[in-house]
Amino acid sequence: MTARLDLPLRYRHMVETLLREYVPDAEVWAYGSRVNGESHAGSDLDLVLRSPTPESLGTAFTDLVEAFRESNIPILVQVCDWARIPESFRNEITRGYVVLQKGPPAS
């Protein structure tokens, strides 16, 4: 994990608002160029959603993707579901990410 996310604060707030609205129980990580220091103004924002259960996020995921598509955030936000990506991609993501939203506390 890293602590740096190259994203203007106003856009980060917009992203976090949509995450709280559509996937409040998911832990959300940002990864990719906006985390690893290789971004530029037009770089997309890569997010992975981690459900508190091993299952996919289902309609909440698709609703969030649509909300990002319709939002006024001026960059492309790419979202993937942790439950639906291969282990090799998970390993790549875990090399560097920023937690944008914590999941619910463990019970």
PDB file of N, CA and C in Angstrom:
ATOM      1  N   MET A   1       0.845  -1.173   0.000  1.00  0.00           N
ATOM      2  CA  MET A   1       0.000   0.000   0.000  1.00  0.00           C
ATOM      3  C   MET A   1       0.886   1.230   0.000  1.00  0.00           C
ATOM      4  N   THR A   2       0.385   2.295  -0.578  1.00  0.00           N
ATOM      5  CA  THR A   2       1.070   3.578  -0.603  1.00  0.00           C
ATOM      6  C   THR A   2       0.102   4.650  -0.118  1.00  0.00           C
ATOM      7  N   ALA A   3       0.599   5.812   0.188  1.00  0.00           N
ATOM      8  CA  ALA A   3      -0.269   6.862   0.724  1.00  0.00           C
ATOM      9  C   ALA A   3      -0.588   7.928  -0.310  1.00  0.00           C
ATOM     10  N   ARG A   4      -0.029   7.850  -1.501  1.00  0.00           N
ATOM     11  CA  ARG A   4      -0.157   8.923  -2.471  1.00  0.00           C
ATOM     12  C   ARG A   4      -1.149   8.576  -3.572  1.00  0.00           C
ATOM     13  N   LEU A   5      -2.042   9.535  -3.842  1.00  0.00           N
ATOM     14  CA  LEU A   5      -2.967   9.406  -4.958  1.00  0.00           C
ATOM     15  C   LEU A   5      -2.935  10.720  -5.724  1.00  0.00           C
ATOM     16  N   ASP A   6      -2.528  10.665  -6.987  1.00  0.00           N
ATOM     17  CA  ASP A   6      -2.447  11.852  -7.827  1.00  0.00           C
ATOM     18  C   ASP A   6      -3.824  12.122  -8.424  1.00  0.00           C
ATOM     19  N   LEU A   7      -4.641  12.811  -7.647  1.00  0.00           N
ATOM     20  CA  LEU A   7      -6.002  13.137  -8.060  1.00  0.00           C
ATOM     21  C   LEU A   7      -6.393  14.422  -7.356  1.00  0.00           C
ATOM     22  N   PRO A   8      -6.803  15.451  -8.114  1.00  0.00           N
ATOM     23  CA  PRO A   8      -7.217  16.691  -7.453  1.00  0.00           C
ATOM     24  C   PRO A   8      -8.282  16.422  -6.386  1.00  0.00           C
ATOM     25  N   LEU A   9      -8.178  17.120  -5.282  1.00  0.00           N
ATOM     26  CA  LEU A   9      -9.050  16.889  -4.131  1.00  0.00           C
ATOM     27  C   LEU A   9     -10.528  17.000  -4.496  1.00  0.00           C
ATOM     28  N   ARG A  10     -10.886  17.937  -5.343  1.00  0.00           N
ATOM     29  CA  ARG A  10     -12.310  18.093  -5.705  1.00  0.00           C
ATOM     30  C   ARG A  10     -12.829  16.848  -6.421  1.00  0.00           C
ATOM     31  N   TYR A  11     -11.991  16.214  -7.264  1.00  0.00           N
ATOM     32  CA  TYR A  11     -12.406  14.995  -7.950  1.00  0.00           C
ATOM     33  C   TYR A  11     -12.447  13.821  -6.980  1.00  0.00           C
ATOM     34  N   ARG A  12     -11.486  13.797  -6.071  1.00  0.00           N
ATOM     35  CA  ARG A  12     -11.473  12.721  -5.069  1.00  0.00           C
ATOM     36  C   ARG A  12     -12.754  12.760  -4.240  1.00  0.00           C
ATOM     37  N   HIS A  13     -13.189  13.954  -3.856  1.00  0.00           N
ATOM     38  CA  HIS A  13     -14.435  14.068  -3.092  1.00  0.00           C
ATOM     39  C   HIS A  13     -15.635  13.574  -3.903  1.00  0.00           C
ATOM     40  N   MET A  14     -15.653  13.883  -5.195  1.00  0.00           N
ATOM     41  CA  MET A  14     -16.753  13.428  -6.050  1.00  0.00           C
ATOM     42  C   MET A  14     -16.760  11.900  -6.140  1.00  0.00           C
ATOM     43  N   VAL A  15     -15.583  11.309  -6.300  1.00  0.00           N
ATOM     44  CA  VAL A  15     -15.459   9.851  -6.374  1.00  0.00           C
ATOM     45  C   VAL A  15     -15.919   9.222  -5.063  1.00  0.00           C
ATOM     46  N   GLU A  16     -15.435   9.747  -3.953  1.00  0.00           N
ATOM     47  CA  GLU A  16     -15.780   9.182  -2.644  1.00  0.00           C
ATOM     48  C   GLU A  16     -17.275   9.303  -2.357  1.00  0.00           C
ATOM     49  N   THR A  17     -17.903  10.374  -2.806  1.00  0.00           N
ATOM     50  CA  THR A  17     -19.354  10.531  -2.617  1.00  0.00           C
ATOM     51  C   THR A  17     -20.114   9.434  -3.353  1.00  0.00           C
ATOM     52  N   LEU A  18     -19.738   9.158  -4.594  1.00  0.00           N
ATOM     53  CA  LEU A  18     -20.406   8.091  -5.350  1.00  0.00           C
ATOM     54  C   LEU A  18     -20.151   6.726  -4.729  1.00  0.00           C
ATOM     55  N   LEU A  19     -18.945   6.501  -4.241  1.00  0.00           N
ATOM     56  CA  LEU A  19     -18.652   5.219  -3.591  1.00  0.00           C
ATOM     57  C   LEU A  19     -19.523   5.013  -2.360  1.00  0.00           C
ATOM     58  N   ARG A  20     -19.646   6.033  -1.536  1.00  0.00           N
ATOM     59  CA  ARG A  20     -20.489   5.918  -0.331  1.00  0.00           C
ATOM     60  C   ARG A  20     -21.951   5.675  -0.691  1.00  0.00           C
ATOM     61  N   GLU A  21     -22.397   6.292  -1.776  1.00  0.00           N
ATOM     62  CA  GLU A  21     -23.795   6.155  -2.176  1.00  0.00           C
ATOM     63  C   GLU A  21     -24.104   4.776  -2.762  1.00  0.00           C
ATOM     64  N   TYR A  22     -23.228   4.261  -3.613  1.00  0.00           N
ATOM     65  CA  TYR A  22     -23.526   3.033  -4.353  1.00  0.00           C
ATOM     66  C   TYR A  22     -22.957   1.760  -3.741  1.00  0.00           C
ATOM     67  N   VAL A  23     -21.797   1.847  -3.100  1.00  0.00           N
ATOM     68  CA  VAL A  23     -21.160   0.647  -2.544  1.00  0.00           C
ATOM     69  C   VAL A  23     -20.622   0.933  -1.133  1.00  0.00           C
ATOM     70  N   PRO A  24     -21.500   1.303  -0.210  1.00  0.00           N
ATOM     71  CA  PRO A  24     -21.042   1.721   1.118  1.00  0.00           C
ATOM     72  C   PRO A  24     -20.328   0.638   1.914  1.00  0.00           C
ATOM     73  N   ASP A  25     -20.579  -0.625   1.605  1.00  0.00           N
ATOM     74  CA  ASP A  25     -19.952  -1.723   2.353  1.00  0.00           C
ATOM     75  C   ASP A  25     -18.699  -2.278   1.686  1.00  0.00           C
ATOM     76  N   ALA A  26     -18.357  -1.777   0.541  1.00  0.00           N
ATOM     77  CA  ALA A  26     -17.176  -2.277  -0.167  1.00  0.00           C
ATOM     78  C   ALA A  26     -15.926  -1.509   0.251  1.00  0.00           C
ATOM     79  N   GLU A  27     -14.813  -2.223   0.324  1.00  0.00           N
ATOM     80  CA  GLU A  27     -13.530  -1.557   0.459  1.00  0.00           C
ATOM     81  C   GLU A  27     -13.086  -1.228  -0.959  1.00  0.00           C
ATOM     82  N   VAL A  28     -12.588  -0.010  -1.149  1.00  0.00           N
ATOM     83  CA  VAL A  28     -12.231   0.439  -2.494  1.00  0.00           C
ATOM     84  C   VAL A  28     -10.784   0.895  -2.513  1.00  0.00           C
ATOM     85  N   TRP A  29     -10.036   0.329  -3.450  1.00  0.00           N
ATOM     86  CA  TRP A  29      -8.628   0.678  -3.634  1.00  0.00           C
ATOM     87  C   TRP A  29      -8.449   1.365  -4.984  1.00  0.00           C
ATOM     88  N   ALA A  30      -7.628   2.415  -4.989  1.00  0.00           N
ATOM     89  CA  ALA A  30      -7.146   3.008  -6.239  1.00  0.00           C
ATOM     90  C   ALA A  30      -5.787   2.390  -6.521  1.00  0.00           C
ATOM     91  N   TYR A  31      -5.495   2.152  -7.795  1.00  0.00           N
ATOM     92  CA  TYR A  31      -4.210   1.565  -8.185  1.00  0.00           C
ATOM     93  C   TYR A  31      -3.842   2.115  -9.563  1.00  0.00           C
ATOM     94  N   GLY A  32      -2.732   1.722 -10.079  1.00  0.00           N
ATOM     95  CA  GLY A  32      -2.340   2.134 -11.422  1.00  0.00           C
ATOM     96  C   GLY A  32      -1.536   3.420 -11.427  1.00  0.00           C
ATOM     97  N   SER A  33      -1.573   4.109 -12.570  1.00  0.00           N
ATOM     98  CA  SER A  33      -0.694   5.261 -12.774  1.00  0.00           C
ATOM     99  C   SER A  33      -0.923   6.397 -11.787  1.00  0.00           C
ATOM    100  N   ARG A  34      -2.137   6.585 -11.311  1.00  0.00           N
ATOM    101  CA  ARG A  34      -2.391   7.670 -10.364  1.00  0.00           C
ATOM    102  C   ARG A  34      -1.853   7.351  -8.965  1.00  0.00           C
ATOM    103  N   VAL A  35      -1.440   6.135  -8.765  1.00  0.00           N
ATOM    104  CA  VAL A  35      -0.836   5.726  -7.491  1.00  0.00           C
ATOM    105  C   VAL A  35       0.671   5.522  -7.636  1.00  0.00           C
ATOM    106  N   ASN A  36       1.111   5.013  -8.774  1.00  0.00           N
ATOM    107  CA  ASN A  36       2.529   4.666  -8.919  1.00  0.00           C
ATOM    108  C   ASN A  36       3.412   5.802  -9.428  1.00  0.00           C
ATOM    109  N   GLY A  37       2.849   7.003  -9.579  1.00  0.00           N
ATOM    110  CA  GLY A  37       3.645   8.158  -9.970  1.00  0.00           C
ATOM    111  C   GLY A  37       3.832   8.333 -11.461  1.00  0.00           C
ATOM    112  N   GLU A  38       3.133   7.568 -12.275  1.00  0.00           N
ATOM    113  CA  GLU A  38       3.290   7.660 -13.726  1.00  0.00           C
ATOM    114  C   GLU A  38       2.114   8.346 -14.419  1.00  0.00           C
ATOM    115  N   SER A  39       1.292   9.064 -13.656  1.00  0.00           N
ATOM    116  CA  SER A  39       0.090   9.661 -14.237  1.00  0.00           C
ATOM    117  C   SER A  39       0.389  11.015 -14.876  1.00  0.00           C
ATOM    118  N   HIS A  40      -0.558  11.451 -15.693  1.00  0.00           N
ATOM    119  CA  HIS A  40      -0.572  12.788 -16.271  1.00  0.00           C
ATOM    120  C   HIS A  40      -2.011  13.279 -16.161  1.00  0.00           C
ATOM    121  N   ALA A  41      -2.264  14.504 -16.563  1.00  0.00           N
ATOM    122  CA  ALA A  41      -3.590  15.104 -16.367  1.00  0.00           C
ATOM    123  C   ALA A  41      -4.723  14.269 -16.956  1.00  0.00           C
ATOM    124  N   GLY A  42      -4.489  13.589 -18.070  1.00  0.00           N
ATOM    125  CA  GLY A  42      -5.542  12.811 -18.717  1.00  0.00           C
ATOM    126  C   GLY A  42      -5.615  11.354 -18.303  1.00  0.00           C
ATOM    127  N   SER A  43      -4.796  10.943 -17.341  1.00  0.00           N
ATOM    128  CA  SER A  43      -4.808   9.535 -16.907  1.00  0.00           C
ATOM    129  C   SER A  43      -6.150   9.164 -16.298  1.00  0.00           C
ATOM    130  N   ASP A  44      -6.552   7.912 -16.524  1.00  0.00           N
ATOM    131  CA  ASP A  44      -7.778   7.436 -15.899  1.00  0.00           C
ATOM    132  C   ASP A  44      -7.499   7.105 -14.430  1.00  0.00           C
ATOM    133  N   LEU A  45      -8.566   6.888 -13.697  1.00  0.00           N
ATOM    134  CA  LEU A  45      -8.481   6.468 -12.303  1.00  0.00           C
ATOM    135  C   LEU A  45      -8.936   5.021 -12.247  1.00  0.00           C
ATOM    136  N   ASP A  46      -8.043   4.147 -11.806  1.00  0.00           N
ATOM    137  CA  ASP A  46      -8.347   2.719 -11.712  1.00  0.00           C
ATOM    138  C   ASP A  46      -8.762   2.384 -10.286  1.00  0.00           C
ATOM    139  N   LEU A  47      -9.934   1.767 -10.150  1.00  0.00           N
ATOM    140  CA  LEU A  47     -10.452   1.376  -8.838  1.00  0.00           C
ATOM    141  C   LEU A  47     -10.791  -0.100  -8.839  1.00  0.00           C
ATOM    142  N   VAL A  48     -10.573  -0.742  -7.700  1.00  0.00           N
ATOM    143  CA  VAL A  48     -11.031  -2.111  -7.510  1.00  0.00           C
ATOM    144  C   VAL A  48     -11.884  -2.135  -6.251  1.00  0.00           C
ATOM    145  N   LEU A  49     -13.044  -2.780  -6.359  1.00  0.00           N
ATOM    146  CA  LEU A  49     -13.988  -2.884  -5.249  1.00  0.00           C
ATOM    147  C   LEU A  49     -13.889  -4.263  -4.637  1.00  0.00           C
ATOM    148  N   ARG A  50     -13.763  -4.288  -3.324  1.00  0.00           N
ATOM    149  CA  ARG A  50     -13.641  -5.544  -2.582  1.00  0.00           C
ATOM    150  C   ARG A  50     -14.876  -5.691  -1.687  1.00  0.00           C
ATOM    151  N   SER A  51     -15.698  -6.656  -2.012  1.00  0.00           N
ATOM    152  CA  SER A  51     -16.909  -6.925  -1.250  1.00  0.00           C
ATOM    153  C   SER A  51     -16.548  -7.533   0.106  1.00  0.00           C
ATOM    154  N   PRO A  52     -17.368  -7.284   1.131  1.00  0.00           N
ATOM    155  CA  PRO A  52     -17.108  -7.918   2.424  1.00  0.00           C
ATOM    156  C   PRO A  52     -17.343  -9.431   2.410  1.00  0.00           C
ATOM    157  N   THR A  53     -17.948  -9.935   1.332  1.00  0.00           N
ATOM    158  CA  THR A  53     -18.155 -11.376   1.159  1.00  0.00           C
ATOM    159  C   THR A  53     -17.388 -11.813  -0.088  1.00  0.00           C
ATOM    160  N   PRO A  54     -17.179 -13.096  -0.281  1.00  0.00           N
ATOM    161  CA  PRO A  54     -16.447 -13.555  -1.479  1.00  0.00           C
ATOM    162  C   PRO A  54     -17.224 -13.370  -2.792  1.00  0.00           C
ATOM    163  N   GLU A  55     -18.498 -13.036  -2.699  1.00  0.00           N
ATOM    164  CA  GLU A  55     -19.322 -12.909  -3.897  1.00  0.00           C
ATOM    165  C   GLU A  55     -19.085 -11.566  -4.583  1.00  0.00           C
ATOM    166  N   SER A  56     -19.491 -11.530  -5.839  1.00  0.00           N
ATOM    167  CA  SER A  56     -19.436 -10.310  -6.636  1.00  0.00           C
ATOM    168  C   SER A  56     -20.405  -9.278  -6.057  1.00  0.00           C
ATOM    169  N   LEU A  57     -20.183  -8.018  -6.373  1.00  0.00           N
ATOM    170  CA  LEU A  57     -21.044  -6.939  -5.880  1.00  0.00           C
ATOM    171  C   LEU A  57     -22.349  -6.814  -6.649  1.00  0.00           C
ATOM    172  N   GLY A  58     -22.475  -7.493  -7.770  1.00  0.00           N
ATOM    173  CA  GLY A  58     -23.726  -7.541  -8.519  1.00  0.00           C
ATOM    174  C   GLY A  58     -24.209  -6.204  -9.041  1.00  0.00           C
ATOM    175  N   THR A  59     -25.490  -5.919  -8.815  1.00  0.00           N
ATOM    176  CA  THR A  59     -26.095  -4.706  -9.382  1.00  0.00           C
ATOM    177  C   THR A  59     -25.512  -3.429  -8.778  1.00  0.00           C
ATOM    178  N   ALA A  60     -25.040  -3.475  -7.548  1.00  0.00           N
ATOM    179  CA  ALA A  60     -24.411  -2.285  -6.967  1.00  0.00           C
ATOM    180  C   ALA A  60     -23.199  -1.875  -7.807  1.00  0.00           C
ATOM    181  N   PHE A  61     -22.465  -2.868  -8.290  1.00  0.00           N
ATOM    182  CA  PHE A  61     -21.303  -2.607  -9.139  1.00  0.00           C
ATOM    183  C   PHE A  61     -21.732  -1.940 -10.446  1.00  0.00           C
ATOM    184  N   THR A  62     -22.701  -2.525 -11.129  1.00  0.00           N
ATOM    185  CA  THR A  62     -23.126  -1.961 -12.419  1.00  0.00           C
ATOM    186  C   THR A  62     -23.759  -0.588 -12.239  1.00  0.00           C
ATOM    187  N   ASP A  63     -24.485  -0.383 -11.142  1.00  0.00           N
ATOM    188  CA  ASP A  63     -25.056   0.936 -10.869  1.00  0.00           C
ATOM    189  C   ASP A  63     -23.961   1.973 -10.640  1.00  0.00           C
ATOM    190  N   LEU A  64     -22.890   1.585  -9.951  1.00  0.00           N
ATOM    191  CA  LEU A  64     -21.775   2.498  -9.714  1.00  0.00           C
ATOM    192  C   LEU A  64     -21.076   2.843 -11.032  1.00  0.00           C
ATOM    193  N   VAL A  65     -20.835   1.863 -11.868  1.00  0.00           N
ATOM    194  CA  VAL A  65     -20.191   2.114 -13.156  1.00  0.00           C
ATOM    195  C   VAL A  65     -21.011   3.124 -13.961  1.00  0.00           C
ATOM    196  N   GLU A  66     -22.313   2.948 -13.973  1.00  0.00           N
ATOM    197  CA  GLU A  66     -23.196   3.875 -14.689  1.00  0.00           C
ATOM    198  C   GLU A  66     -23.150   5.263 -14.054  1.00  0.00           C
ATOM    199  N   ALA A  67     -23.118   5.334 -12.742  1.00  0.00           N
ATOM    200  CA  ALA A  67     -23.046   6.626 -12.052  1.00  0.00           C
ATOM    201  C   ALA A  67     -21.759   7.368 -12.407  1.00  0.00           C
ATOM    202  N   PHE A  68     -20.639   6.650 -12.479  1.00  0.00           N
ATOM    203  CA  PHE A  68     -19.392   7.288 -12.894  1.00  0.00           C
ATOM    204  C   PHE A  68     -19.495   7.784 -14.334  1.00  0.00           C
ATOM    205  N   ARG A  69     -20.101   6.984 -15.182  1.00  0.00           N
ATOM    206  CA  ARG A  69     -20.256   7.352 -16.594  1.00  0.00           C
ATOM    207  C   ARG A  69     -21.071   8.635 -16.731  1.00  0.00           C
ATOM    208  N   GLU A  70     -22.084   8.795 -15.891  1.00  0.00           N
ATOM    209  CA  GLU A  70     -22.966   9.957 -15.976  1.00  0.00           C
ATOM    210  C   GLU A  70     -22.507  11.139 -15.127  1.00  0.00           C
ATOM    211  N   SER A  71     -21.446  10.967 -14.364  1.00  0.00           N
ATOM    212  CA  SER A  71     -20.990  12.026 -13.456  1.00  0.00           C
ATOM    213  C   SER A  71     -20.280  13.150 -14.205  1.00  0.00           C
ATOM    214  N   ASN A  72     -19.991  14.213 -13.465  1.00  0.00           N
ATOM    215  CA  ASN A  72     -19.249  15.347 -14.007  1.00  0.00           C
ATOM    216  C   ASN A  72     -17.751  15.231 -13.743  1.00  0.00           C
ATOM    217  N   ILE A  73     -17.296  14.073 -13.314  1.00  0.00           N
ATOM    218  CA  ILE A  73     -15.866  13.873 -13.075  1.00  0.00           C
ATOM    219  C   ILE A  73     -15.180  13.869 -14.449  1.00  0.00           C
ATOM    220  N   PRO A  74     -14.225  14.783 -14.667  1.00  0.00           N
ATOM    221  CA  PRO A  74     -13.675  14.953 -16.021  1.00  0.00           C
ATOM    222  C   PRO A  74     -12.571  13.967 -16.416  1.00  0.00           C
ATOM    223  N   ILE A  75     -12.461  12.884 -15.680  1.00  0.00           N
ATOM    224  CA  ILE A  75     -11.518  11.829 -16.065  1.00  0.00           C
ATOM    225  C   ILE A  75     -12.280  10.513 -16.119  1.00  0.00           C
ATOM    226  N   LEU A  76     -11.743   9.577 -16.870  1.00  0.00           N
ATOM    227  CA  LEU A  76     -12.343   8.248 -16.960  1.00  0.00           C
ATOM    228  C   LEU A  76     -12.058   7.492 -15.667  1.00  0.00           C
ATOM    229  N   VAL A  77     -13.094   6.920 -15.075  1.00  0.00           N
ATOM    230  CA  VAL A  77     -12.930   6.101 -13.873  1.00  0.00           C
ATOM    231  C   VAL A  77     -13.214   4.656 -14.273  1.00  0.00           C
ATOM    232  N   GLN A  78     -12.179   3.809 -14.194  1.00  0.00           N
ATOM    233  CA  GLN A  78     -12.290   2.392 -14.522  1.00  0.00           C
ATOM    234  C   GLN A  78     -12.485   1.623 -13.224  1.00  0.00           C
ATOM    235  N   VAL A  79     -13.518   0.807 -13.164  1.00  0.00           N
ATOM    236  CA  VAL A  79     -13.837   0.077 -11.940  1.00  0.00           C
ATOM    237  C   VAL A  79     -13.834  -1.419 -12.223  1.00  0.00           C
ATOM    238  N   CYS A  80     -13.232  -2.195 -11.328  1.00  0.00           N
ATOM    239  CA  CYS A  80     -13.313  -3.649 -11.448  1.00  0.00           C
ATOM    240  C   CYS A  80     -13.703  -4.252 -10.095  1.00  0.00           C
ATOM    241  N   ASP A  81     -14.260  -5.434 -10.163  1.00  0.00           N
ATOM    242  CA  ASP A  81     -14.755  -6.164  -9.002  1.00  0.00           C
ATOM    243  C   ASP A  81     -13.718  -7.216  -8.627  1.00  0.00           C
ATOM    244  N   TRP A  82     -13.165  -7.112  -7.430  1.00  0.00           N
ATOM    245  CA  TRP A  82     -12.118  -8.025  -6.948  1.00  0.00           C
ATOM    246  C   TRP A  82     -12.516  -9.485  -7.137  1.00  0.00           C
ATOM    247  N   ALA A  83     -13.784  -9.810  -6.918  1.00  0.00           N
ATOM    248  CA  ALA A  83     -14.255 -11.191  -7.012  1.00  0.00           C
ATOM    249  C   ALA A  83     -14.223 -11.720  -8.443  1.00  0.00           C
ATOM    250  N   ARG A  84     -14.092 -10.839  -9.417  1.00  0.00           N
ATOM    251  CA  ARG A  84     -14.163 -11.258 -10.820  1.00  0.00           C
ATOM    252  C   ARG A  84     -12.850 -11.105 -11.583  1.00  0.00           C
ATOM    253  N   ILE A  85     -11.775 -10.784 -10.881  1.00  0.00           N
ATOM    254  CA  ILE A  85     -10.501 -10.640 -11.585  1.00  0.00           C
ATOM    255  C   ILE A  85      -9.572 -11.804 -11.239  1.00  0.00           C
ATOM    256  N   PRO A  86      -8.663 -12.149 -12.148  1.00  0.00           N
ATOM    257  CA  PRO A  86      -7.768 -13.275 -11.888  1.00  0.00           C
ATOM    258  C   PRO A  86      -6.755 -12.968 -10.783  1.00  0.00           C
ATOM    259  N   GLU A  87      -6.263 -14.026 -10.189  1.00  0.00           N
ATOM    260  CA  GLU A  87      -5.284 -13.911  -9.101  1.00  0.00           C
ATOM    261  C   GLU A  87      -4.057 -13.112  -9.532  1.00  0.00           C
ATOM    262  N   SER A  88      -3.615 -13.286 -10.769  1.00  0.00           N
ATOM    263  CA  SER A  88      -2.434 -12.559 -11.253  1.00  0.00           C
ATOM    264  C   SER A  88      -2.672 -11.051 -11.251  1.00  0.00           C
ATOM    265  N   PHE A  89      -3.874 -10.631 -11.601  1.00  0.00           N
ATOM    266  CA  PHE A  89      -4.214  -9.200 -11.586  1.00  0.00           C
ATOM    267  C   PHE A  89      -4.308  -8.707 -10.139  1.00  0.00           C
ATOM    268  N   ARG A  90      -4.858  -9.513  -9.260  1.00  0.00           N
ATOM    269  CA  ARG A  90      -4.906  -9.153  -7.833  1.00  0.00           C
ATOM    270  C   ARG A  90      -3.502  -8.921  -7.297  1.00  0.00           C
ATOM    271  N   ASN A  91      -2.583  -9.804  -7.655  1.00  0.00           N
ATOM    272  CA  ASN A  91      -1.192  -9.669  -7.203  1.00  0.00           C
ATOM    273  C   ASN A  91      -0.577  -8.371  -7.704  1.00  0.00           C
ATOM    274  N   GLU A  92      -0.872  -8.012  -8.943  1.00  0.00           N
ATOM    275  CA  GLU A  92      -0.360  -6.763  -9.516  1.00  0.00           C
ATOM    276  C   GLU A  92      -0.910  -5.558  -8.743  1.00  0.00           C
ATOM    277  N   ILE A  93      -2.188  -5.569  -8.446  1.00  0.00           N
ATOM    278  CA  ILE A  93      -2.811  -4.456  -7.724  1.00  0.00           C
ATOM    279  C   ILE A  93      -2.228  -4.311  -6.325  1.00  0.00           C
ATOM    280  N   THR A  94      -1.999  -5.412  -5.642  1.00  0.00           N
ATOM    281  CA  THR A  94      -1.515  -5.334  -4.256  1.00  0.00           C
ATOM    282  C   THR A  94      -0.097  -4.775  -4.146  1.00  0.00           C
ATOM    283  N   ARG A  95       0.600  -4.638  -5.255  1.00  0.00           N
ATOM    284  CA  ARG A  95       1.954  -4.047  -5.224  1.00  0.00           C
ATOM    285  C   ARG A  95       1.927  -2.555  -4.912  1.00  0.00           C
ATOM    286  N   GLY A  96       0.817  -1.895  -5.200  1.00  0.00           N
ATOM    287  CA  GLY A  96       0.716  -0.464  -4.929  1.00  0.00           C
ATOM    288  C   GLY A  96      -0.712   0.015  -5.062  1.00  0.00           C
ATOM    289  N   TYR A  97      -1.285   0.451  -3.972  1.00  0.00           N
ATOM    290  CA  TYR A  97      -2.668   0.930  -3.999  1.00  0.00           C
ATOM    291  C   TYR A  97      -2.883   1.924  -2.862  1.00  0.00           C
ATOM    292  N   VAL A  98      -3.967   2.661  -2.974  1.00  0.00           N
ATOM    293  CA  VAL A  98      -4.400   3.595  -1.949  1.00  0.00           C
ATOM    294  C   VAL A  98      -5.828   3.220  -1.581  1.00  0.00           C
ATOM    295  N   VAL A  99      -6.118   3.112  -0.303  1.00  0.00           N
ATOM    296  CA  VAL A  99      -7.478   2.807   0.141  1.00  0.00           C
ATOM    297  C   VAL A  99      -8.300   4.097   0.089  1.00  0.00           C
ATOM    298  N   LEU A 100      -9.322   4.102  -0.760  1.00  0.00           N
ATOM    299  CA  LEU A 100     -10.220   5.253  -0.855  1.00  0.00           C
ATOM    300  C   LEU A 100     -11.406   5.119   0.090  1.00  0.00           C
ATOM    301  N   GLN A 101     -11.800   3.893   0.340  1.00  0.00           N
ATOM    302  CA  GLN A 101     -12.942   3.645   1.221  1.00  0.00           C
ATOM    303  C   GLN A 101     -12.689   2.340   1.956  1.00  0.00           C
ATOM    304  N   LYS A 102     -12.811   2.405   3.265  1.00  0.00           N
ATOM    305  CA  LYS A 102     -12.632   1.183   4.069  1.00  0.00           C
ATOM    306  C   LYS A 102     -13.947   0.422   4.098  1.00  0.00           C
ATOM    307  N   GLY A 103     -13.831  -0.892   4.152  1.00  0.00           N
ATOM    308  CA  GLY A 103     -15.002  -1.729   4.283  1.00  0.00           C
ATOM    309  C   GLY A 103     -15.516  -1.709   5.712  1.00  0.00           C
ATOM    310  N   PRO A 104     -16.602  -2.402   5.968  1.00  0.00           N
ATOM    311  CA  PRO A 104     -17.149  -2.442   7.329  1.00  0.00           C
ATOM    312  C   PRO A 104     -16.178  -3.147   8.274  1.00  0.00           C
ATOM    313  N   PRO A 105     -16.211  -2.802   9.548  1.00  0.00           N
ATOM    314  CA  PRO A 105     -15.340  -3.491  10.501  1.00  0.00           C
ATOM    315  C   PRO A 105     -15.670  -4.972  10.576  1.00  0.00           C
ATOM    316  N   ALA A 106     -14.662  -5.773  10.784  1.00  0.00           N
ATOM    317  CA  ALA A 106     -14.870  -7.218  10.920  1.00  0.00           C
ATOM    318  C   ALA A 106     -15.688  -7.496  12.177  1.00  0.00           C
ATOM    319  N   SER A 107     -16.604  -8.438  12.040  1.00  0.00           N
ATOM    320  CA  SER A 107     -17.443  -8.749  13.207  1.00  0.00           C
ATOM    321  C   SER A 107     -16.963  -9.963  13.931  1.00  0.00           C
TER     322      SER A 107
END
